Amino acid sequence: MTDGRYSLDRVERDIKILIAIFFIIVVIIAFGIGRFTASAVTHPFTVSYQVLPPSGKSDEEILVLIRVNHPNDNEPLWAYVTWDHRTIVQRQGDVVFSKIHQNWWDIAFTPPQDLCAKGKHHIRIRIEDSDGNIVSWPVWEYTITNTVPQVGWFDNLSEEAIAKITGPPGGQGETGPQGETGETGPIGPQGEEGPPGAQGPIGGGEQGPVGSIGLPGGPGPRGETGPQGETGKSENAIVLYTALILSIASMVTVLWGFYRERKS
């Protein structure tokens, strides 16, 4: 009896040891398979990203910074970004400086109006190169802490919905104090000419006094110089002398006649 009980206890102990060893082997195998699977996943290029802010309100702008380290220099890349599988950016090329691809993006957006409920949302990033290689593992869980309606949302609301939000109009408030006088505005354009006034009495007003004589005016401007006269022609000296002698003779004859008349 003692040997039988001893053998049964030993068998139960051996079974427990085997079960423990079995679980240890299973854990080791699972860990090894996991490492092998993880090491087998390789990507054609390296993608790093950052979401700023990591969480926030529904009306807060989100900035997604994407940087790629590609083994090929000057490799053209394209990015896709989705918000809860809603496309935010579709096949947007990377930044190019001096005809060289920089392989980075700065993408800013606001959560869509119909997908901005309070809670968790997912930002997914997908990068493609010119050979068709794709990296799509980056997924960010963004938490909206508070839903704040944006001003543009009210344009799509019905009048009933707006009435529920705004409520009935309140009573007129008290008149506030008079404000300060503003600056004088610019002079306006001249108005149209009005109709002529009534005609005054016939004959007009009384004649005013004669005004004082004004000061003499200054000398007028000098006139233009006239044309030069023609040069006279010289007459014969004999003709002049003859005319002179005849004149003297005529005077002597007159005086002689006057003298004889007085003497007689």
Protein backbone atom coordinates (compact mmCIF):
# COMPACT_ATOMS: atom_id res chain seq x y z
CA MET A 1 0.00 0.00 0.00
CA THR A 2 2.76 2.39 0.83
CA ASP A 3 4.61 1.64 -2.42
CA GLY A 4 1.42 2.17 -4.45
CA ARG A 5 0.66 5.55 -2.90
CA TYR A 6 4.23 6.62 -3.33
CA SER A 7 4.17 5.68 -7.00
CA LEU A 8 0.88 7.58 -7.57
CA ASP A 9 2.21 10.74 -5.97
CA ARG A 10 5.36 10.53 -8.04
CA VAL A 11 3.38 10.12 -11.24
CA GLU A 12 1.23 13.20 -10.44
CA ARG A 13 4.40 15.19 -9.73
CA ASP A 14 5.98 14.11 -13.00
CA ILE A 15 2.82 15.09 -14.89
CA LYS A 16 2.84 18.56 -13.34
CA ILE A 17 6.50 18.95 -14.26
CA LEU A 18 5.79 17.89 -17.85
CA ILE A 19 2.86 20.33 -18.10
CA ALA A 20 5.03 23.17 -16.81
CA ILE A 21 7.79 22.26 -19.27
CA PHE A 22 5.20 22.11 -22.04
CA PHE A 23 3.93 25.64 -21.30
CA ILE A 24 7.50 26.96 -21.14
CA ILE A 25 8.26 25.42 -24.54
CA VAL A 26 5.05 26.93 -26.01
CA VAL A 27 5.96 30.39 -24.74
CA ILE A 28 9.50 30.09 -26.13
CA ILE A 29 8.20 28.92 -29.52
CA ALA A 30 5.61 31.73 -29.66
CA PHE A 31 8.24 34.32 -28.78
CA GLY A 32 10.59 32.94 -31.41
CA ILE A 33 7.89 32.94 -34.07
CA GLY A 34 7.01 36.51 -33.18
CA ARG A 35 10.61 37.65 -33.50
CA PHE A 36 10.99 35.82 -36.77
CA THR A 37 7.81 37.41 -38.15
CA ALA A 38 8.80 40.89 -37.01
CA SER A 39 12.26 40.61 -38.50
CA ALA A 40 10.80 39.34 -41.76
CA VAL A 41 8.78 42.56 -42.29
CA THR A 42 10.95 44.97 -44.25
CA HIS A 43 10.08 48.26 -45.95
CA PRO A 44 11.57 49.68 -49.15
CA PHE A 45 12.17 53.04 -47.44
CA THR A 46 11.86 54.59 -43.98
CA VAL A 47 8.91 56.81 -43.05
CA SER A 48 8.73 58.93 -39.91
CA TYR A 49 5.83 61.19 -38.99
CA GLN A 50 4.48 63.43 -36.23
CA VAL A 51 0.93 64.72 -35.53
CA LEU A 52 0.60 68.15 -33.89
CA PRO A 53 -1.24 68.47 -31.61
CA PRO A 54 -1.60 64.78 -30.71
CA SER A 55 -5.21 65.50 -29.66
CA GLY A 56 -7.46 68.54 -29.47
CA LYS A 57 -10.82 70.15 -30.17
CA SER A 58 -12.81 69.56 -33.34
CA ASP A 59 -12.15 73.08 -34.67
CA GLU A 60 -8.39 72.90 -34.03
CA GLU A 61 -6.10 72.67 -37.05
CA ILE A 62 -4.04 69.47 -37.26
CA LEU A 63 -0.51 69.47 -38.70
CA VAL A 64 0.95 66.19 -39.99
CA LEU A 65 4.73 66.22 -40.51
CA ILE A 66 6.00 63.43 -42.79
CA ARG A 67 9.67 62.74 -43.47
CA VAL A 68 11.02 59.92 -45.69
CA ASN A 69 14.52 58.50 -45.93
CA HIS A 70 14.69 56.85 -49.37
CA PRO A 71 17.75 54.88 -50.54
CA ASN A 72 17.59 56.59 -53.96
CA ASP A 73 18.60 60.24 -54.10
CA ASN A 74 16.14 62.62 -55.76
CA GLU A 75 13.37 60.00 -55.70
CA PRO A 76 9.87 61.42 -56.42
CA LEU A 77 7.36 60.40 -53.75
CA TRP A 78 3.60 60.81 -53.32
CA ALA A 79 1.58 60.98 -50.10
CA TYR A 80 -1.98 60.02 -49.16
CA VAL A 81 -3.54 61.05 -45.85
CA THR A 82 -6.99 59.95 -44.61
CA TRP A 83 -9.12 60.79 -41.58
CA ASP A 84 -11.32 57.83 -40.59
CA HIS A 85 -10.81 56.61 -44.19
CA ARG A 86 -11.99 60.03 -45.52
CA THR A 87 -9.39 61.34 -47.99
CA ILE A 88 -7.66 64.50 -46.80
CA VAL A 89 -4.69 64.46 -49.22
CA GLN A 90 -4.65 62.45 -52.44
CA ARG A 91 -1.39 61.78 -54.28
CA GLN A 92 0.37 64.92 -53.20
CA GLY A 93 3.95 65.18 -54.42
CA ASP A 94 6.80 65.89 -52.07
CA VAL A 95 8.53 69.27 -51.81
CA VAL A 96 10.98 70.07 -54.64
CA PHE A 97 13.84 72.60 -54.31
CA SER A 98 16.09 73.33 -57.29
CA LYS A 99 14.63 70.32 -59.13
CA ILE A 100 15.63 68.01 -56.24
CA HIS A 101 12.96 66.02 -54.37
CA GLN A 102 13.17 66.64 -50.62
CA ASN A 103 10.89 63.71 -49.63
CA TRP A 104 8.89 65.57 -46.97
CA TRP A 105 5.42 67.09 -46.43
CA ASP A 106 3.76 69.50 -43.97
CA ILE A 107 0.03 68.78 -44.27
CA ALA A 108 -2.49 70.90 -42.30
CA PHE A 109 -6.24 70.26 -42.10
CA THR A 110 -9.28 70.54 -39.83
CA PRO A 111 -11.43 67.49 -39.01
CA PRO A 112 -14.35 67.14 -41.46
CA GLN A 113 -17.69 68.44 -40.24
CA ASP A 114 -19.43 65.07 -40.32
CA LEU A 115 -16.51 63.15 -38.77
CA CYS A 116 -15.59 65.26 -35.76
CA ALA A 117 -17.51 63.62 -32.93
CA LYS A 118 -15.90 63.60 -29.51
CA GLY A 119 -13.70 60.54 -29.11
CA LYS A 120 -11.05 58.58 -31.03
CA HIS A 121 -10.32 58.96 -34.75
CA HIS A 122 -7.59 57.54 -36.97
CA ILE A 123 -5.14 59.36 -39.25
CA ARG A 124 -3.60 57.01 -41.82
CA ILE A 125 -0.56 57.82 -43.98
CA ARG A 126 0.42 56.10 -47.25
CA ILE A 127 3.64 56.88 -49.19
CA GLU A 128 4.45 55.66 -52.73
CA ASP A 129 7.62 55.96 -54.81
CA SER A 130 8.12 55.94 -58.58
CA ASP A 131 8.66 52.15 -58.62
CA GLY A 132 5.28 51.47 -57.04
CA ASN A 133 6.71 50.61 -53.61
CA ILE A 134 4.26 51.48 -50.81
CA VAL A 135 4.61 52.14 -47.10
CA SER A 136 1.24 52.36 -45.31
CA TRP A 137 1.93 51.34 -41.71
CA PRO A 138 1.76 54.83 -40.08
CA VAL A 139 -1.58 55.12 -38.23
CA TRP A 140 -2.23 57.74 -35.55
CA GLU A 141 -5.11 57.56 -33.07
CA TYR A 142 -6.31 61.15 -32.68
CA THR A 143 -8.66 62.01 -29.81
CA ILE A 144 -11.14 64.89 -30.14
CA THR A 145 -11.58 66.24 -26.64
CA ASN A 146 -14.49 68.57 -27.39
CA THR A 147 -16.72 69.17 -30.41
CA VAL A 148 -16.84 72.89 -31.23
CA PRO A 149 -19.05 73.94 -34.19
CA GLN A 150 -17.20 75.94 -36.79
CA VAL A 151 -18.72 79.15 -38.13
CA GLY A 152 -19.10 77.73 -41.65
CA TRP A 153 -21.31 74.89 -40.38
CA PHE A 154 -24.23 77.26 -39.76
CA ASP A 155 -24.54 77.93 -43.51
CA ASN A 156 -25.83 74.37 -43.99
CA LEU A 157 -28.33 74.40 -41.10
CA SER A 158 -32.06 74.76 -41.63
CA GLU A 159 -34.01 77.67 -40.20
CA GLU A 160 -35.55 75.38 -37.57
CA ALA A 161 -32.13 74.19 -36.41
CA ILE A 162 -30.82 77.75 -36.24
CA ALA A 163 -33.91 78.79 -34.26
CA LYS A 164 -33.23 76.04 -31.73
CA ILE A 165 -29.65 77.19 -31.33
CA THR A 166 -30.27 80.94 -31.18
CA GLY A 167 -33.59 80.89 -29.27
CA PRO A 168 -36.28 83.61 -29.35
CA PRO A 169 -35.20 87.24 -29.79
CA GLY A 170 -34.77 89.17 -26.55
CA GLY A 171 -36.19 92.54 -25.64
CA GLN A 172 -34.63 95.78 -26.69
CA GLY A 173 -31.92 96.92 -24.36
CA GLU A 174 -31.44 100.37 -22.89
CA THR A 175 -30.01 103.11 -25.05
CA GLY A 176 -26.33 103.41 -24.49
CA PRO A 177 -24.42 106.66 -23.98
CA GLN A 178 -23.81 108.85 -26.99
CA GLY A 179 -20.52 108.17 -28.62
CA GLU A 180 -17.84 110.71 -29.38
CA THR A 181 -18.21 112.89 -32.46
CA GLY A 182 -16.39 111.37 -35.37
CA GLU A 183 -14.01 113.11 -37.70
CA THR A 184 -15.43 115.39 -40.39
CA GLY A 185 -15.89 113.51 -43.60
CA PRO A 186 -14.60 114.67 -46.99
CA ILE A 187 -16.50 117.39 -48.93
CA GLY A 188 -19.12 115.86 -51.16
CA PRO A 189 -19.55 116.59 -54.87
CA GLN A 190 -21.19 119.88 -55.92
CA GLY A 191 -24.96 119.65 -56.31
CA GLU A 192 -26.97 120.50 -59.39
CA GLU A 193 -27.56 124.20 -60.23
CA GLY A 194 -30.82 125.44 -58.76
CA PRO A 195 -33.54 127.43 -60.60
CA PRO A 196 -32.97 131.19 -61.18
CA GLY A 197 -34.18 133.50 -58.38
CA ALA A 198 -37.02 136.02 -58.61
CA GLN A 199 -36.36 139.14 -60.74
CA GLY A 200 -35.66 142.36 -58.80
CA PRO A 201 -37.47 145.74 -59.27
CA ILE A 202 -37.35 147.46 -62.70
CA GLY A 203 -34.63 150.03 -63.03
CA GLY A 204 -32.26 148.29 -60.75
CA GLY A 205 -30.60 149.83 -57.74
CA GLU A 206 -29.37 153.43 -57.27
CA GLN A 207 -26.30 154.61 -59.11
CA GLY A 208 -23.26 154.42 -56.99
CA PRO A 209 -20.74 157.28 -56.49
CA VAL A 210 -18.10 158.00 -59.09
CA GLY A 211 -14.94 156.25 -58.27
CA SER A 212 -11.65 158.05 -57.74
CA ILE A 213 -9.33 158.59 -60.67
CA GLY A 214 -6.84 155.87 -60.88
CA LEU A 215 -3.10 156.33 -61.00
CA PRO A 216 -1.59 157.05 -64.45
CA GLY A 217 -0.41 154.00 -66.19
CA GLY A 218 3.20 153.35 -66.89
CA PRO A 219 4.79 154.02 -70.31
CA GLY A 220 3.58 151.69 -72.96
CA PRO A 221 5.80 149.39 -74.85
CA ARG A 222 8.04 150.90 -77.54
CA GLY A 223 6.65 150.67 -81.00
CA GLU A 224 8.31 148.92 -83.85
CA THR A 225 10.95 150.85 -85.84
CA GLY A 226 9.54 152.13 -89.15
CA PRO A 227 11.11 151.38 -92.51
CA GLN A 228 14.04 153.55 -93.62
CA GLY A 229 13.18 156.32 -96.11
CA GLU A 230 14.66 156.55 -99.57
CA THR A 231 17.80 158.66 -100.06
CA GLY A 232 17.04 162.00 -101.79
CA LYS A 233 18.59 162.84 -105.13
CA SER A 234 21.06 165.73 -105.39
CA GLU A 235 19.74 168.64 -107.71
CA ASN A 236 21.97 170.67 -110.06
CA ALA A 237 23.65 173.67 -108.26
CA ILE A 238 22.91 176.08 -111.18
CA VAL A 239 19.19 175.48 -110.80
CA LEU A 240 19.38 176.33 -107.13
CA TYR A 241 21.38 179.48 -107.68
CA THR A 242 19.03 180.65 -110.45
CA ALA A 243 16.01 180.17 -108.18
CA LEU A 244 17.75 182.17 -105.45
CA ILE A 245 18.62 185.11 -107.80
CA LEU A 246 15.06 185.23 -109.11
CA SER A 247 13.71 185.35 -105.58
CA ILE A 248 16.01 188.26 -104.67
CA ALA A 249 15.10 190.10 -107.86
CA SER A 250 11.40 189.66 -107.09
CA MET A 251 11.88 191.08 -103.61
CA VAL A 252 13.88 194.07 -104.94
CA THR A 253 11.18 194.80 -107.55
CA VAL A 254 8.46 194.73 -104.90
CA LEU A 255 10.40 196.98 -102.55
CA TRP A 256 11.22 199.41 -105.41
CA GLY A 257 7.64 199.70 -106.38
CA PHE A 258 6.61 200.30 -102.77
CA TYR A 259 9.30 202.98 -102.45
CA ARG A 260 8.25 204.92 -105.62
CA GLU A 261 4.68 204.77 -104.48
CA ARG A 262 5.54 206.40 -101.17
CA LYS A 263 7.70 209.05 -102.77
CA SER A 264 5.07 210.26 -105.22
